[in-house]
Amino acid sequence: MPDLRTKDKLLGFWCATGHPAIIDAAASAGPDFVVIDTQHGVDLGRVDASVLTVLAAYGVAGLVRVPSLDVMPIGRALDLGADGIIVPLVESAADAERAVSATRHAPRGGRSYGMQTQRVGPFEKTPFVAIQVETAGAVDDLDAIAAVDGVDALYIGPADLGLGLGGAPAPDVNEVFDGTHPNADVIAAAFQAVVDAAEGHGIIPGLHVGDGATAARALERGFRFCAVSADIGLIRSGLARELRGARDS
């Protein structure tokens, strides 16, 4: 499996359904990674380990956004065969340290040894760890979070970050880039702080976006880790486009 840490930019796909056919189709398109979202999408207990095997067969990294900062779901995601995790709602460097510890077996961390899977180990394996920046606490502690040994990326969740920094979500980051969001200046400053902190500590700055054009704008601003589409959004926008084409003909 290619090491995500060695790539100049990471472009991938976000999957909320966890459906094997969607993941297989997405992997065949050649993304760097596919994220299975178990925070706002499929329940972690319903994720089929075979989908992560499929991703490995395509040479695509399989990441799981875990539902919470807790050793049990993080360990379970890795037992299923995930190459790494994305951890939501981190507030501090102490939270980031807990996240990293949950990905390492003793004596380096608190991950439990699961004999039920062939995907455990080798014990020196270091899964990819992305910490989501989506709270005011995380912004306040950015430099310390980025300095935590074992953190590989900072990944902005713009909707929650917008809420945390002023009460208005910013799911469309183009509004931040263009200055049309009501709190654009504050959110844009946080975006830049994430890029600066990540670059300062030799890790990867990431931003959640909804399409390839927006990802290209993010890359121009120093981000290197973006999901360029998501299954639910892609179905919604694609169907709407085709319906317009049929109805307007």
C-alpha atoms as a PDB file:
ATOM      1  CA  MET A   1       0.000   0.000   0.000  1.00  0.00           C
ATOM      2  CA  PRO A   2       1.450   3.400  -0.954  1.00  0.00           C
ATOM      3  CA  ASP A   3       2.347   5.512   2.057  1.00  0.00           C
ATOM      4  CA  LEU A   4       0.124   8.597   2.101  1.00  0.00           C
ATOM      5  CA  ARG A   5       2.824  10.468   3.999  1.00  0.00           C
ATOM      6  CA  THR A   6       5.124  10.441   0.965  1.00  0.00           C
ATOM      7  CA  LYS A   7       2.724  11.985  -1.558  1.00  0.00           C
ATOM      8  CA  ASP A   8       2.747  15.651  -2.539  1.00  0.00           C
ATOM      9  CA  LYS A   9      -1.042  15.797  -2.664  1.00  0.00           C
ATOM     10  CA  LEU A  10      -3.833  13.454  -1.608  1.00  0.00           C
ATOM     11  CA  LEU A  11      -7.114  13.481  -3.517  1.00  0.00           C
ATOM     12  CA  GLY A  12      -9.851  11.066  -2.622  1.00  0.00           C
ATOM     13  CA  PHE A  13     -13.468  10.069  -2.173  1.00  0.00           C
ATOM     14  CA  TRP A  14     -15.785  10.303   0.832  1.00  0.00           C
ATOM     15  CA  CYS A  15     -18.253   7.476   1.375  1.00  0.00           C
ATOM     16  CA  ALA A  16     -21.081   7.829   3.887  1.00  0.00           C
ATOM     17  CA  THR A  17     -22.971   4.697   2.847  1.00  0.00           C
ATOM     18  CA  GLY A  18     -20.070   2.266   3.112  1.00  0.00           C
ATOM     19  CA  HIS A  19     -21.653   0.271   0.293  1.00  0.00           C
ATOM     20  CA  PRO A  20     -19.218  -2.215  -1.301  1.00  0.00           C
ATOM     21  CA  ALA A  21     -20.337  -1.502  -4.884  1.00  0.00           C
ATOM     22  CA  ILE A  22     -19.859   2.248  -4.454  1.00  0.00           C
ATOM     23  CA  ILE A  23     -16.460   1.766  -2.843  1.00  0.00           C
ATOM     24  CA  ASP A  24     -15.368  -0.623  -5.603  1.00  0.00           C
ATOM     25  CA  ALA A  25     -16.479   1.824  -8.296  1.00  0.00           C
ATOM     26  CA  ALA A  26     -14.765   4.719  -6.555  1.00  0.00           C
ATOM     27  CA  ALA A  27     -11.519   2.794  -6.115  1.00  0.00           C
ATOM     28  CA  SER A  28     -11.455   1.911  -9.824  1.00  0.00           C
ATOM     29  CA  ALA A  29     -11.336   5.637 -10.661  1.00  0.00           C
ATOM     30  CA  GLY A  30      -7.873   5.910  -9.090  1.00  0.00           C
ATOM     31  CA  PRO A  31      -8.155   8.131  -6.009  1.00  0.00           C
ATOM     32  CA  ASP A  32      -5.345   8.238  -3.481  1.00  0.00           C
ATOM     33  CA  PHE A  33      -7.739   7.289  -0.685  1.00  0.00           C
ATOM     34  CA  VAL A  34     -11.350   6.472   0.147  1.00  0.00           C
ATOM     35  CA  VAL A  35     -12.825   7.548   3.484  1.00  0.00           C
ATOM     36  CA  ILE A  36     -15.614   5.501   5.049  1.00  0.00           C
ATOM     37  CA  ASP A  37     -17.523   7.882   7.301  1.00  0.00           C
ATOM     38  CA  THR A  38     -18.720   6.224  10.499  1.00  0.00           C
ATOM     39  CA  GLN A  39     -19.423   9.485  12.312  1.00  0.00           C
ATOM     40  CA  HIS A  40     -22.207  10.854  10.122  1.00  0.00           C
ATOM     41  CA  GLY A  41     -22.610   7.883   7.801  1.00  0.00           C
ATOM     42  CA  VAL A  42     -22.615   4.113   8.114  1.00  0.00           C
ATOM     43  CA  ASP A  43     -22.437   2.548  11.569  1.00  0.00           C
ATOM     44  CA  LEU A  44     -18.945   1.202  12.245  1.00  0.00           C
ATOM     45  CA  GLY A  45     -20.436  -2.153  13.212  1.00  0.00           C
ATOM     46  CA  ARG A  46     -21.889  -2.477   9.714  1.00  0.00           C
ATOM     47  CA  VAL A  47     -18.653  -1.831   7.823  1.00  0.00           C
ATOM     48  CA  ASP A  48     -17.684  -4.948   5.874  1.00  0.00           C
ATOM     49  CA  ALA A  49     -13.963  -5.682   6.122  1.00  0.00           C
ATOM     50  CA  SER A  50     -14.056  -6.834   2.500  1.00  0.00           C
ATOM     51  CA  VAL A  51     -14.407  -3.249   1.272  1.00  0.00           C
ATOM     52  CA  LEU A  52     -11.026  -2.394   2.773  1.00  0.00           C
ATOM     53  CA  THR A  53      -9.557  -5.486   1.105  1.00  0.00           C
ATOM     54  CA  VAL A  54     -10.966  -4.248  -2.200  1.00  0.00           C
ATOM     55  CA  LEU A  55      -9.326  -0.866  -1.717  1.00  0.00           C
ATOM     56  CA  ALA A  56      -6.001  -2.553  -0.982  1.00  0.00           C
ATOM     57  CA  ALA A  57      -6.323  -4.563  -4.198  1.00  0.00           C
ATOM     58  CA  TYR A  58      -6.643  -1.313  -6.152  1.00  0.00           C
ATOM     59  CA  GLY A  59      -3.702   0.230  -4.304  1.00  0.00           C
ATOM     60  CA  VAL A  60      -6.011   2.810  -2.715  1.00  0.00           C
ATOM     61  CA  ALA A  61      -5.631   3.707   0.942  1.00  0.00           C
ATOM     62  CA  GLY A  62      -8.686   2.958   3.069  1.00  0.00           C
ATOM     63  CA  LEU A  63      -9.365   5.507   5.811  1.00  0.00           C
ATOM     64  CA  VAL A  64     -12.148   5.452   8.382  1.00  0.00           C
ATOM     65  CA  ARG A  65     -13.551   8.554  10.013  1.00  0.00           C
ATOM     66  CA  VAL A  66     -14.258   7.120  13.418  1.00  0.00           C
ATOM     67  CA  PRO A  67     -17.394   8.135  15.324  1.00  0.00           C
ATOM     68  CA  SER A  68     -15.523   9.492  18.343  1.00  0.00           C
ATOM     69  CA  LEU A  69     -12.180   9.904  20.033  1.00  0.00           C
ATOM     70  CA  ASP A  70     -12.156   6.584  21.836  1.00  0.00           C
ATOM     71  CA  VAL A  71      -9.803   3.623  21.855  1.00  0.00           C
ATOM     72  CA  MET A  72     -12.525   1.078  21.024  1.00  0.00           C
ATOM     73  CA  PRO A  73     -13.841   2.427  17.685  1.00  0.00           C
ATOM     74  CA  ILE A  74     -10.335   3.398  16.601  1.00  0.00           C
ATOM     75  CA  GLY A  75      -9.053  -0.110  17.320  1.00  0.00           C
ATOM     76  CA  ARG A  76     -12.064  -1.659  15.615  1.00  0.00           C
ATOM     77  CA  ALA A  77     -11.533   0.396  12.454  1.00  0.00           C
ATOM     78  CA  LEU A  78      -7.911  -0.720  12.302  1.00  0.00           C
ATOM     79  CA  ASP A  79      -8.845  -4.340  13.005  1.00  0.00           C
ATOM     80  CA  LEU A  80     -11.122  -4.193   9.963  1.00  0.00           C
ATOM     81  CA  GLY A  81      -8.088  -3.302   7.877  1.00  0.00           C
ATOM     82  CA  ALA A  82      -8.138   0.485   7.672  1.00  0.00           C
ATOM     83  CA  ASP A  83      -4.843   2.085   6.696  1.00  0.00           C
ATOM     84  CA  GLY A  84      -5.615   5.047   8.892  1.00  0.00           C
ATOM     85  CA  ILE A  85      -8.203   7.066  10.723  1.00  0.00           C
ATOM     86  CA  ILE A  86      -9.689  10.543  10.704  1.00  0.00           C
ATOM     87  CA  VAL A  87     -10.611  11.678  14.214  1.00  0.00           C
ATOM     88  CA  PRO A  88     -13.424  14.236  14.658  1.00  0.00           C
ATOM     89  CA  LEU A  89     -13.995  16.989  17.212  1.00  0.00           C
ATOM     90  CA  VAL A  90     -10.479  17.138  18.616  1.00  0.00           C
ATOM     91  CA  GLU A  91     -10.092  19.983  21.093  1.00  0.00           C
ATOM     92  CA  SER A  92      -6.438  19.885  22.154  1.00  0.00           C
ATOM     93  CA  ALA A  93      -2.994  18.336  21.852  1.00  0.00           C
ATOM     94  CA  ALA A  94      -3.985  15.972  24.677  1.00  0.00           C
ATOM     95  CA  ASP A  95      -6.867  14.719  22.520  1.00  0.00           C
ATOM     96  CA  ALA A  96      -4.488  14.233  19.595  1.00  0.00           C
ATOM     97  CA  GLU A  97      -2.116  12.243  21.802  1.00  0.00           C
ATOM     98  CA  ARG A  98      -5.016  10.002  22.860  1.00  0.00           C
ATOM     99  CA  ALA A  99      -5.922   9.434  19.213  1.00  0.00           C
ATOM    100  CA  VAL A 100      -2.402   8.423  18.257  1.00  0.00           C
ATOM    101  CA  SER A 101      -2.085   6.164  21.317  1.00  0.00           C
ATOM    102  CA  ALA A 102      -5.259   4.338  20.295  1.00  0.00           C
ATOM    103  CA  THR A 103      -3.597   3.333  16.992  1.00  0.00           C
ATOM    104  CA  ARG A 104      -0.483   1.791  18.605  1.00  0.00           C
ATOM    105  CA  HIS A 105      -0.175  -1.504  20.424  1.00  0.00           C
ATOM    106  CA  ALA A 106       1.470  -1.654  23.832  1.00  0.00           C
ATOM    107  CA  PRO A 107       3.942  -0.529  24.970  1.00  0.00           C
ATOM    108  CA  ARG A 108       3.642   2.388  22.505  1.00  0.00           C
ATOM    109  CA  GLY A 109      -0.074   2.894  23.012  1.00  0.00           C
ATOM    110  CA  GLY A 110      -3.403   1.505  24.116  1.00  0.00           C
ATOM    111  CA  ARG A 111      -4.639  -0.442  21.099  1.00  0.00           C
ATOM    112  CA  SER A 112      -5.863  -3.920  21.958  1.00  0.00           C
ATOM    113  CA  TYR A 113      -4.552  -7.006  20.176  1.00  0.00           C
ATOM    114  CA  GLY A 114      -7.406  -8.585  18.171  1.00  0.00           C
ATOM    115  CA  MET A 115      -6.715 -12.203  17.283  1.00  0.00           C
ATOM    116  CA  GLN A 116      -9.919 -12.433  15.249  1.00  0.00           C
ATOM    117  CA  THR A 117      -8.370 -10.672  12.256  1.00  0.00           C
ATOM    118  CA  GLN A 118      -5.440 -11.367   9.978  1.00  0.00           C
ATOM    119  CA  ARG A 119      -4.966  -7.628   9.578  1.00  0.00           C
ATOM    120  CA  VAL A 120      -3.474  -7.106  13.011  1.00  0.00           C
ATOM    121  CA  GLY A 121       0.168  -6.115  12.920  1.00  0.00           C
ATOM    122  CA  PRO A 122       2.911  -5.967  12.198  1.00  0.00           C
ATOM    123  CA  PHE A 123       3.170  -4.349  15.578  1.00  0.00           C
ATOM    124  CA  GLU A 124       5.559  -1.692  14.322  1.00  0.00           C
ATOM    125  CA  LYS A 125       2.956  -0.541  11.775  1.00  0.00           C
ATOM    126  CA  THR A 126       1.994   3.105  12.211  1.00  0.00           C
ATOM    127  CA  PRO A 127      -1.453   3.827  10.763  1.00  0.00           C
ATOM    128  CA  PHE A 128      -2.095   7.196   9.146  1.00  0.00           C
ATOM    129  CA  VAL A 129      -3.654   9.572  11.683  1.00  0.00           C
ATOM    130  CA  ALA A 130      -5.534  12.686  10.575  1.00  0.00           C
ATOM    131  CA  ILE A 131      -6.835  15.032  13.242  1.00  0.00           C
ATOM    132  CA  GLN A 132      -9.895  17.062  12.356  1.00  0.00           C
ATOM    133  CA  VAL A 133      -9.725  20.776  13.055  1.00  0.00           C
ATOM    134  CA  GLU A 134     -13.340  21.829  13.525  1.00  0.00           C
ATOM    135  CA  THR A 135     -13.542  23.421  16.969  1.00  0.00           C
ATOM    136  CA  ALA A 136     -12.348  26.676  18.495  1.00  0.00           C
ATOM    137  CA  GLY A 137     -10.272  24.636  20.949  1.00  0.00           C
ATOM    138  CA  ALA A 138      -8.390  22.939  18.138  1.00  0.00           C
ATOM    139  CA  VAL A 139      -7.658  26.291  16.490  1.00  0.00           C
ATOM    140  CA  ASP A 140      -6.354  27.655  19.782  1.00  0.00           C
ATOM    141  CA  ASP A 141      -4.035  24.650  20.222  1.00  0.00           C
ATOM    142  CA  LEU A 142      -3.052  24.144  16.582  1.00  0.00           C
ATOM    143  CA  ASP A 143       0.713  24.304  16.927  1.00  0.00           C
ATOM    144  CA  ALA A 144       0.759  21.842  19.827  1.00  0.00           C
ATOM    145  CA  ILE A 145      -1.595  19.458  17.984  1.00  0.00           C
ATOM    146  CA  ALA A 146       0.577  19.542  14.862  1.00  0.00           C
ATOM    147  CA  ALA A 147       3.636  18.814  17.019  1.00  0.00           C
ATOM    148  CA  VAL A 148       2.213  15.577  18.471  1.00  0.00           C
ATOM    149  CA  ASP A 149       4.359  12.623  17.412  1.00  0.00           C
ATOM    150  CA  GLY A 150       2.281  10.339  15.213  1.00  0.00           C
ATOM    151  CA  VAL A 151      -0.117  12.958  13.850  1.00  0.00           C
ATOM    152  CA  ASP A 152       0.205  12.841  10.059  1.00  0.00           C
ATOM    153  CA  ALA A 153      -2.368  15.406   8.941  1.00  0.00           C
ATOM    154  CA  LEU A 154      -4.663  18.187  10.049  1.00  0.00           C
ATOM    155  CA  TYR A 155      -8.007  17.971   8.250  1.00  0.00           C
ATOM    156  CA  ILE A 156     -10.451  20.872   8.466  1.00  0.00           C
ATOM    157  CA  GLY A 157     -14.158  20.150   8.820  1.00  0.00           C
ATOM    158  CA  PRO A 158     -15.414  23.530   7.560  1.00  0.00           C
ATOM    159  CA  ALA A 159     -19.081  23.230   8.557  1.00  0.00           C
ATOM    160  CA  ASP A 160     -18.366  22.593  12.228  1.00  0.00           C
ATOM    161  CA  LEU A 161     -15.415  24.975  12.198  1.00  0.00           C
ATOM    162  CA  GLY A 162     -17.668  27.742  10.961  1.00  0.00           C
ATOM    163  CA  LEU A 163     -20.087  27.021  13.785  1.00  0.00           C
ATOM    164  CA  GLY A 164     -17.289  26.959  16.338  1.00  0.00           C
ATOM    165  CA  LEU A 165     -15.793  30.248  15.178  1.00  0.00           C
ATOM    166  CA  GLY A 166     -18.903  32.333  14.849  1.00  0.00           C
ATOM    167  CA  GLY A 167     -22.121  30.423  14.656  1.00  0.00           C
ATOM    168  CA  ALA A 168     -22.518  30.014  10.878  1.00  0.00           C
ATOM    169  CA  PRO A 169     -21.494  26.708   9.260  1.00  0.00           C
ATOM    170  CA  ALA A 170     -19.254  26.890   6.202  1.00  0.00           C
ATOM    171  CA  PRO A 171     -19.849  23.667   4.267  1.00  0.00           C
ATOM    172  CA  ASP A 172     -19.119  25.490   0.982  1.00  0.00           C
ATOM    173  CA  VAL A 173     -15.552  26.687   1.395  1.00  0.00           C
ATOM    174  CA  ASN A 174     -15.868  28.759  -1.782  1.00  0.00           C
ATOM    175  CA  GLU A 175     -17.824  31.234   0.342  1.00  0.00           C
ATOM    176  CA  VAL A 176     -14.780  31.513   2.584  1.00  0.00           C
ATOM    177  CA  PHE A 177     -12.370  31.793  -0.341  1.00  0.00           C
ATOM    178  CA  ASP A 178     -14.548  34.461  -2.001  1.00  0.00           C
ATOM    179  CA  GLY A 179     -15.237  36.397   1.196  1.00  0.00           C
ATOM    180  CA  THR A 180     -19.012  35.945   0.952  1.00  0.00           C
ATOM    181  CA  HIS A 181     -19.455  33.922   4.130  1.00  0.00           C
ATOM    182  CA  PRO A 182     -20.594  36.134   7.035  1.00  0.00           C
ATOM    183  CA  ASN A 183     -17.544  35.127   9.053  1.00  0.00           C
ATOM    184  CA  ALA A 184     -15.160  34.663   6.125  1.00  0.00           C
ATOM    185  CA  ASP A 185     -12.223  36.598   7.567  1.00  0.00           C
ATOM    186  CA  VAL A 186     -12.116  34.611  10.799  1.00  0.00           C
ATOM    187  CA  ILE A 187     -12.534  31.232   9.083  1.00  0.00           C
ATOM    188  CA  ALA A 188      -9.994  32.093   6.382  1.00  0.00           C
ATOM    189  CA  ALA A 189      -7.488  32.997   9.082  1.00  0.00           C
ATOM    190  CA  ALA A 190      -8.063  29.583  10.678  1.00  0.00           C
ATOM    191  CA  PHE A 191      -7.567  27.917   7.288  1.00  0.00           C
ATOM    192  CA  GLN A 192      -4.210  29.647   6.904  1.00  0.00           C
ATOM    193  CA  ALA A 193      -3.237  28.794  10.477  1.00  0.00           C
ATOM    194  CA  VAL A 194      -3.814  25.110   9.741  1.00  0.00           C
ATOM    195  CA  VAL A 195      -1.602  25.279   6.635  1.00  0.00           C
ATOM    196  CA  ASP A 196       1.110  27.097   8.562  1.00  0.00           C
ATOM    197  CA  ALA A 197       1.023  24.738  11.549  1.00  0.00           C
ATOM    198  CA  ALA A 198       1.086  21.641   9.351  1.00  0.00           C
ATOM    199  CA  GLU A 199       3.931  22.910   7.190  1.00  0.00           C
ATOM    200  CA  GLY A 200       5.836  24.036  10.267  1.00  0.00           C
ATOM    201  CA  HIS A 201       5.788  20.507  11.679  1.00  0.00           C
ATOM    202  CA  GLY A 202       6.228  18.585   8.438  1.00  0.00           C
ATOM    203  CA  ILE A 203       2.719  17.129   8.295  1.00  0.00           C
ATOM    204  CA  ILE A 204      -0.122  17.412   5.781  1.00  0.00           C
ATOM    205  CA  PRO A 205      -2.759  20.188   5.769  1.00  0.00           C
ATOM    206  CA  GLY A 206      -6.187  19.057   4.601  1.00  0.00           C
ATOM    207  CA  LEU A 207      -9.566  20.630   3.865  1.00  0.00           C
ATOM    208  CA  HIS A 208     -12.927  18.948   3.293  1.00  0.00           C
ATOM    209  CA  VAL A 209     -14.401  20.139  -0.018  1.00  0.00           C
ATOM    210  CA  GLY A 210     -17.233  18.979  -2.242  1.00  0.00           C
ATOM    211  CA  ASP A 211     -15.848  18.865  -5.776  1.00  0.00           C
ATOM    212  CA  GLY A 212     -12.723  18.848  -7.866  1.00  0.00           C
ATOM    213  CA  ALA A 213     -12.823  22.524  -8.804  1.00  0.00           C
ATOM    214  CA  THR A 214     -12.970  23.532  -5.150  1.00  0.00           C
ATOM    215  CA  ALA A 215     -10.198  21.065  -4.343  1.00  0.00           C
ATOM    216  CA  ALA A 216      -8.051  22.767  -6.971  1.00  0.00           C
ATOM    217  CA  ARG A 217      -8.650  26.114  -5.240  1.00  0.00           C
ATOM    218  CA  ALA A 218      -7.712  24.536  -1.911  1.00  0.00           C
ATOM    219  CA  LEU A 219      -4.488  23.149  -3.387  1.00  0.00           C
ATOM    220  CA  GLU A 220      -3.590  26.638  -4.596  1.00  0.00           C
ATOM    221  CA  ARG A 221      -3.901  27.819  -1.001  1.00  0.00           C
ATOM    222  CA  GLY A 222      -1.468  25.254   0.348  1.00  0.00           C
ATOM    223  CA  PHE A 223      -3.761  22.366   1.272  1.00  0.00           C
ATOM    224  CA  ARG A 224      -2.601  18.923   0.145  1.00  0.00           C
ATOM    225  CA  PHE A 225      -5.332  16.560   1.342  1.00  0.00           C
ATOM    226  CA  CYS A 226      -8.912  16.823   0.010  1.00  0.00           C
ATOM    227  CA  ALA A 227     -11.835  14.541  -0.711  1.00  0.00           C
ATOM    228  CA  VAL A 228     -12.960  15.730  -4.156  1.00  0.00           C
ATOM    229  CA  SER A 229     -16.431  14.174  -4.006  1.00  0.00           C
ATOM    230  CA  ALA A 230     -18.764  12.206  -1.765  1.00  0.00           C
ATOM    231  CA  ASP A 231     -21.233   9.471  -2.579  1.00  0.00           C
ATOM    232  CA  ILE A 232     -24.393  11.221  -1.368  1.00  0.00           C
ATOM    233  CA  GLY A 233     -23.472  14.565  -2.919  1.00  0.00           C
ATOM    234  CA  LEU A 234     -22.389  12.962  -6.174  1.00  0.00           C
ATOM    235  CA  ILE A 235     -25.677  11.088  -6.535  1.00  0.00           C
ATOM    236  CA  ARG A 236     -27.703  14.200  -5.660  1.00  0.00           C
ATOM    237  CA  SER A 237     -25.862  16.566  -8.003  1.00  0.00           C
ATOM    238  CA  GLY A 238     -25.520  14.013 -10.791  1.00  0.00           C
ATOM    239  CA  LEU A 239     -29.200  13.094 -10.754  1.00  0.00           C
ATOM    240  CA  ALA A 240     -30.246  16.754 -10.599  1.00  0.00           C
ATOM    241  CA  ARG A 241     -28.048  17.502 -13.627  1.00  0.00           C
ATOM    242  CA  GLU A 242     -29.474  14.629 -15.654  1.00  0.00           C
ATOM    243  CA  LEU A 243     -33.062  15.518 -14.706  1.00  0.00           C
ATOM    244  CA  ARG A 244     -32.478  19.104 -15.833  1.00  0.00           C
ATOM    245  CA  GLY A 245     -31.066  17.840 -19.107  1.00  0.00           C
ATOM    246  CA  ALA A 246     -34.073  15.638 -19.732  1.00  0.00           C
ATOM    247  CA  ARG A 247     -36.688  18.193 -18.656  1.00  0.00           C
ATOM    248  CA  ASP A 248     -35.125  21.076 -20.586  1.00  0.00           C
ATOM    249  CA  SER A 249     -34.855  19.118 -23.834  1.00  0.00           C
END
